[in-house]
Protein backbone atom coordinates (compact mmCIF):
# COMPACT_ATOMS: atom_id res chain seq x y z
CA UNK A 1 -9.53 7.36 -16.16
CA UNK A 2 -8.81 3.82 -15.09
CA UNK A 3 -10.46 1.09 -17.11
CA UNK A 4 -13.18 -1.03 -15.57
CA UNK A 5 -10.90 -4.07 -15.35
CA UNK A 6 -8.27 -2.15 -13.37
CA UNK A 7 -6.83 -4.25 -10.56
CA UNK A 8 -7.71 -3.52 -6.98
CA UNK A 9 -5.71 -5.38 -4.35
CA UNK A 10 -6.97 -4.37 -0.92
CA UNK A 11 -3.63 -4.49 0.89
CA UNK A 12 -3.39 -3.82 4.61
CA UNK A 13 -0.32 -2.91 6.63
CA UNK A 14 -0.67 -5.85 9.07
CA UNK A 15 1.40 -4.33 11.88
CA UNK A 16 -1.20 -1.57 12.26
CA UNK A 17 -3.64 -4.32 13.29
CA UNK A 18 -1.07 -6.16 15.41
CA UNK A 19 -0.10 -2.99 17.30
CA UNK A 20 -3.40 -1.09 17.64
CA UNK A 21 -6.01 -3.87 17.64
CA UNK A 22 -8.47 -2.16 15.30
CA UNK A 23 -8.63 -0.52 11.89
CA UNK A 24 -11.62 1.30 10.41
CA UNK A 25 -11.63 1.12 6.62
CA UNK A 26 -13.61 2.28 3.61
CA UNK A 27 -12.64 0.48 0.41
CA UNK A 28 -13.06 2.41 -2.83
CA UNK A 29 -12.26 1.77 -6.45
CA UNK A 30 -11.99 5.30 -7.76
CA UNK A 31 -9.29 7.77 -8.83
CA UNK A 32 -6.26 5.75 -7.83
CA UNK A 33 -7.20 5.17 -4.18
CA UNK A 34 -7.31 1.70 -2.62
CA UNK A 35 -9.04 2.63 0.63
CA UNK A 36 -9.36 5.13 3.46
CA UNK A 37 -8.58 4.01 7.00
CA UNK A 38 -8.39 5.15 10.60
CA UNK A 39 -6.77 3.90 13.80
CA UNK A 40 -5.87 5.18 17.27
CA UNK A 41 -2.68 4.69 19.26
CA UNK A 42 -4.19 4.35 22.72
CA UNK A 43 -2.42 5.09 26.00
CA UNK A 44 1.16 4.27 24.96
CA UNK A 45 3.62 5.47 22.33
CA UNK A 46 3.86 2.96 19.49
CA UNK A 47 6.42 1.84 16.96
CA UNK A 48 4.69 0.38 13.91
CA UNK A 49 6.65 -1.38 11.14
CA UNK A 50 5.40 -0.54 7.64
CA UNK A 51 5.86 -2.99 4.77
CA UNK A 52 7.68 -1.93 1.62
CA UNK A 53 4.78 -3.19 -0.47
CA UNK A 54 4.73 -0.99 -3.58
CA UNK A 55 1.98 1.31 -2.29
CA UNK A 56 2.14 4.73 -0.65
CA UNK A 57 -0.02 6.45 1.93
CA UNK A 58 -0.94 9.86 3.23
CA UNK A 59 -1.39 9.81 6.98
CA UNK A 60 -3.11 12.65 8.84
CA UNK A 61 -2.26 12.55 12.54
CA UNK A 62 -4.42 14.37 15.09
CA UNK A 63 -3.94 14.76 18.81
CA UNK A 64 -5.17 17.21 21.46
CA UNK A 65 -2.70 19.93 20.55
CA UNK A 66 -1.39 19.36 17.02
CA UNK A 67 -1.92 18.10 13.48
CA UNK A 68 0.64 16.64 11.08
CA UNK A 69 0.63 15.10 7.61
CA UNK A 70 3.02 12.31 6.65
CA UNK A 71 3.53 11.01 3.12
CA UNK A 72 4.61 7.39 3.51
CA UNK A 73 6.57 5.22 1.12
CA UNK A 74 9.28 2.66 1.85
CA UNK A 75 10.48 1.08 -1.40
CA UNK A 76 13.37 -1.00 -0.08
CA UNK A 77 12.65 -2.62 3.27
CA UNK A 78 10.53 -2.53 6.42
CA UNK A 79 10.44 0.93 7.93
CA UNK A 80 9.32 1.60 11.50
CA UNK A 81 7.21 4.68 12.25
CA UNK A 82 6.88 6.19 15.71
CA UNK A 83 3.50 7.40 16.98
CA UNK A 84 2.76 9.27 20.19
CA UNK A 85 0.10 8.00 22.55
CA UNK A 86 -3.41 9.36 22.16
CA UNK A 87 -3.19 9.99 18.41
CA UNK A 88 -6.15 9.74 16.07
CA UNK A 89 -4.80 8.74 12.65
CA UNK A 90 -6.64 9.00 9.33
CA UNK A 91 -4.98 7.53 6.26
CA UNK A 92 -5.34 7.26 2.50
CA UNK A 93 -3.79 4.25 0.76
CA UNK A 94 -3.00 4.74 -2.93
CA UNK A 95 -2.60 2.43 -5.84
CA UNK A 96 1.07 2.07 -6.92
CA UNK A 97 2.45 5.25 -8.46
CA UNK A 98 -0.63 7.36 -7.70
CA UNK A 99 0.40 9.58 -4.77
CA UNK A 100 0.60 13.12 -6.25
CA UNK A 101 2.52 14.47 -3.25
CA UNK A 102 5.41 12.00 -3.48
CA UNK A 103 8.58 12.00 -5.55
CA UNK A 104 9.04 8.29 -6.23
CA UNK A 105 12.62 8.75 -7.39
CA UNK A 106 13.61 9.83 -3.86
CA UNK A 107 10.69 8.65 -1.71
CA UNK A 108 10.38 12.19 -0.34
CA UNK A 109 7.30 14.38 0.15
CA UNK A 110 6.88 17.12 -2.47
CA UNK A 111 6.79 20.17 -0.25
CA UNK A 112 5.81 22.42 -3.17
CA UNK A 113 2.76 20.35 -4.14
CA UNK A 114 -0.37 22.56 -4.40
CA UNK A 115 -2.47 19.61 -3.25
CA UNK A 116 -0.33 19.19 -0.15
CA UNK A 117 -0.83 22.83 0.75
CA UNK A 118 -4.59 22.53 0.29
CA UNK A 119 -4.78 19.40 2.42
CA UNK A 120 -2.72 20.96 5.21
CA UNK A 121 -5.22 23.83 5.26
CA UNK A 122 -8.44 21.79 5.04
CA UNK A 123 -7.89 18.49 6.86
CA UNK A 124 -7.14 19.83 10.38
CA UNK A 125 -10.74 21.09 10.54
CA UNK A 126 -12.30 17.63 10.17
CA UNK A 127 -12.82 15.51 13.28
CA UNK A 128 -14.45 12.25 12.12
CA UNK A 129 -13.97 9.59 9.45
CA UNK A 130 -16.60 10.39 6.83
CA UNK A 131 -16.05 14.19 6.74
CA UNK A 132 -12.29 13.59 6.49
CA UNK A 133 -12.80 11.23 3.58
CA UNK A 134 -15.17 13.62 1.79
CA UNK A 135 -12.86 16.61 2.30
CA UNK A 136 -9.90 14.67 0.97
CA UNK A 137 -11.82 13.50 -2.11
CA UNK A 138 -13.04 17.01 -2.86
CA UNK A 139 -9.45 18.27 -2.99
CA UNK A 140 -7.92 15.21 -4.64
CA UNK A 141 -10.33 14.83 -7.58
CA UNK A 142 -8.97 17.99 -9.19
CA UNK A 143 -5.46 16.49 -9.28
CA UNK A 144 -6.10 12.94 -10.43
CA UNK A 145 -5.52 12.49 -14.16
CA UNK A 146 -4.31 16.08 -14.46
CA UNK A 147 -1.75 16.21 -17.27
CA UNK A 148 -1.25 12.41 -17.24
CA UNK A 149 1.86 11.51 -19.25
CA UNK A 150 2.03 8.72 -21.81
CA UNK A 151 4.53 6.99 -19.50
CA UNK A 152 2.03 7.05 -16.61
CA UNK A 153 -0.66 5.58 -18.87
CA UNK A 154 1.70 2.79 -19.95
CA UNK A 155 2.68 2.14 -16.33
CA UNK A 156 -0.99 1.73 -15.40
CA UNK A 157 -1.49 -0.73 -18.24
CA UNK A 158 1.53 -2.80 -17.21
CA UNK A 159 0.53 -3.00 -13.52
CA UNK A 160 -2.93 -4.20 -14.59
CA UNK A 161 -1.25 -6.90 -16.63
CA UNK A 162 1.00 -7.95 -13.73
CA UNK A 163 -1.96 -8.04 -11.35
CA UNK A 164 -4.00 -10.23 -13.72
CA UNK A 165 -1.09 -12.67 -13.64
CA UNK A 166 -1.07 -12.39 -9.80
CA UNK A 167 2.55 -11.26 -9.91
CA UNK A 168 3.61 -14.65 -11.30
CA UNK A 169 5.40 -13.19 -14.26
CA UNK A 170 9.01 -13.01 -15.44
CA UNK A 171 10.35 -9.79 -16.92
CA UNK A 172 11.12 -11.68 -20.14
CA UNK A 173 7.40 -12.49 -20.37
CA UNK A 174 6.56 -8.83 -19.82
CA UNK A 175 8.82 -7.96 -22.75
CA UNK A 176 6.84 -10.30 -25.00
CA UNK A 177 3.43 -9.19 -23.73
CA UNK A 178 4.11 -5.44 -23.93
CA UNK A 179 6.58 -5.19 -26.81
CA UNK A 180 8.94 -3.09 -24.66
CA UNK A 181 12.44 -3.99 -23.48
CA UNK A 182 13.14 -4.98 -19.88
CA UNK A 183 15.34 -1.93 -19.56
CA UNK A 184 12.55 0.44 -20.59
CA UNK A 185 9.97 -1.34 -18.43
CA UNK A 186 12.23 -0.99 -15.39
CA UNK A 187 12.87 2.65 -16.28
CA UNK A 188 9.12 3.28 -16.18
CA UNK A 189 8.73 1.48 -12.85
CA UNK A 190 11.63 3.34 -11.24
CA UNK A 191 10.09 6.67 -12.33
CA UNK A 192 6.50 5.88 -11.44
CA UNK A 193 6.81 3.62 -8.39
CA UNK A 194 10.40 3.83 -7.18
CA UNK A 195 10.95 0.08 -7.58
CA UNK A 196 11.77 -2.32 -10.41
CA UNK A 197 9.12 -4.31 -12.26
CA UNK A 198 10.49 -7.48 -10.63
CA UNK A 199 10.05 -5.96 -7.17
CA UNK A 200 6.52 -4.93 -8.06
CA UNK A 201 5.69 -8.50 -9.16
CA UNK A 202 6.96 -9.69 -5.78
CA UNK A 203 4.76 -7.12 -4.00
CA UNK A 204 1.66 -8.31 -5.85
CA UNK A 205 2.38 -11.93 -4.92
CA UNK A 206 2.98 -11.02 -1.30
CA UNK A 207 -0.21 -8.94 -1.11
CA UNK A 208 -2.20 -11.97 -2.23
CA UNK A 209 -0.37 -14.34 0.11
CA UNK A 210 -0.88 -12.02 3.08
CA UNK A 211 -4.54 -11.73 2.17
CA UNK A 212 -4.93 -15.52 2.10
CA UNK A 213 -3.15 -15.99 5.45
CA UNK A 214 -4.85 -13.09 7.23
CA UNK A 215 -8.29 -14.27 6.12
CA UNK A 216 -7.55 -17.85 7.18
CA UNK A 217 -8.11 -19.25 3.68
CA UNK A 218 -4.99 -21.40 3.95
CA UNK A 219 -2.21 -22.25 6.37
CA UNK A 220 -0.41 -24.57 3.95
CA UNK A 221 2.93 -22.98 3.21
CA UNK A 222 3.86 -25.71 0.74
CA UNK A 223 0.66 -25.01 -1.19
CA UNK A 224 1.38 -21.28 -1.29
CA UNK A 225 4.97 -21.96 -2.34
CA UNK A 226 3.77 -24.06 -5.25
CA UNK A 227 0.86 -21.82 -6.22
CA UNK A 228 3.02 -18.70 -6.46
CA UNK A 229 5.93 -20.45 -8.21
CA UNK A 230 8.65 -20.15 -5.61
CA UNK A 231 11.62 -22.47 -6.13
CA UNK A 232 10.74 -24.41 -2.99
CA UNK A 233 9.25 -23.90 0.46
CA UNK A 234 12.56 -22.65 1.90
CA UNK A 235 12.70 -19.94 -0.79
CA UNK A 236 9.10 -18.96 0.00
CA UNK A 237 9.85 -18.66 3.73
CA UNK A 238 12.95 -16.55 3.05
CA UNK A 239 11.08 -14.17 0.71
CA UNK A 240 8.14 -13.92 3.11
CA UNK A 241 10.35 -13.05 6.09
CA UNK A 242 12.27 -10.49 4.04
CA UNK A 243 8.98 -8.83 3.09
CA UNK A 244 7.14 -8.96 6.43
CA UNK A 245 9.84 -9.33 9.08
CA UNK A 246 8.16 -12.57 10.23
CA UNK A 247 8.21 -16.19 9.15
CA UNK A 248 4.88 -17.42 7.71
CA UNK A 249 4.29 -19.41 10.92
CA UNK A 250 4.93 -16.39 13.14
CA UNK A 251 2.69 -14.26 10.93
CA UNK A 252 -0.21 -16.73 11.23
CA UNK A 253 0.26 -16.79 15.02
CA UNK A 254 0.13 -12.96 15.09
CA UNK A 255 -3.02 -12.98 12.93
CA UNK A 256 -4.74 -15.37 15.32
CA UNK A 257 -3.61 -13.47 18.41
CA UNK A 258 -4.86 -10.15 17.00
CA UNK A 259 -8.17 -11.69 15.81
CA UNK A 260 -7.20 -10.04 12.57
CA UNK A 261 -10.35 -10.25 10.44
CA UNK A 262 -12.68 -9.09 13.21
CA UNK A 263 -10.30 -6.19 13.97
CA UNK A 264 -10.99 -4.60 10.58
CA UNK A 265 -14.25 -2.64 10.58
CA UNK A 266 -15.54 -1.71 7.14
CA UNK A 267 -17.24 1.69 7.19
């Protein structure tokens, strides 16, 4: 099981808020899950950009006539998902490397996964948030920590270490702190999360920066640039736009326009 000091960054895909106006969420700290969430698409088809933020999701999509299950992961860059109007979407956001229905080496859904087959049979029957969450947990508990490899255990230890350092960590420092070579550390990250350790450090930093901006705790980009050890403010703006598709200023404007914090309803 995870240790008590295991990191728990409550990351949100901000474009879900920007595009739909409301997200229902239940934050948890158990068995590799960050939180459960739900949103609706309303009266129009939507295109929602999803950040390549080191985490993966399962998304159960319900409408009047059909049900589908998507396993989401975009390791390289922003990826836009299309949603039909009138959809009721229930999602599960995982900690990095913890989605048992995803092959991180390819980013593809594992069609042969026994858990996937169980979820596709059980989840269409549930119509509201809490029963969906309970049904998912009942199925998922049997798979978490099943035959956990030594590499997975080491990966979990390293991501805790990176998170404690808030992502402000060079790979050379990771070598010293873990006793493993940069090559082996990156090998582990590619296998377990589909990205390099350096990319994961960047994701952790960006999660924390997005959290600070979306909660209105700061609008000082120079302060954030200095706090998170970017070369300068121009470098920070470039990295931020590459990660989110928006400049920090445009992101703050979108947060204010969407009334971001009040649009998240904790269940």
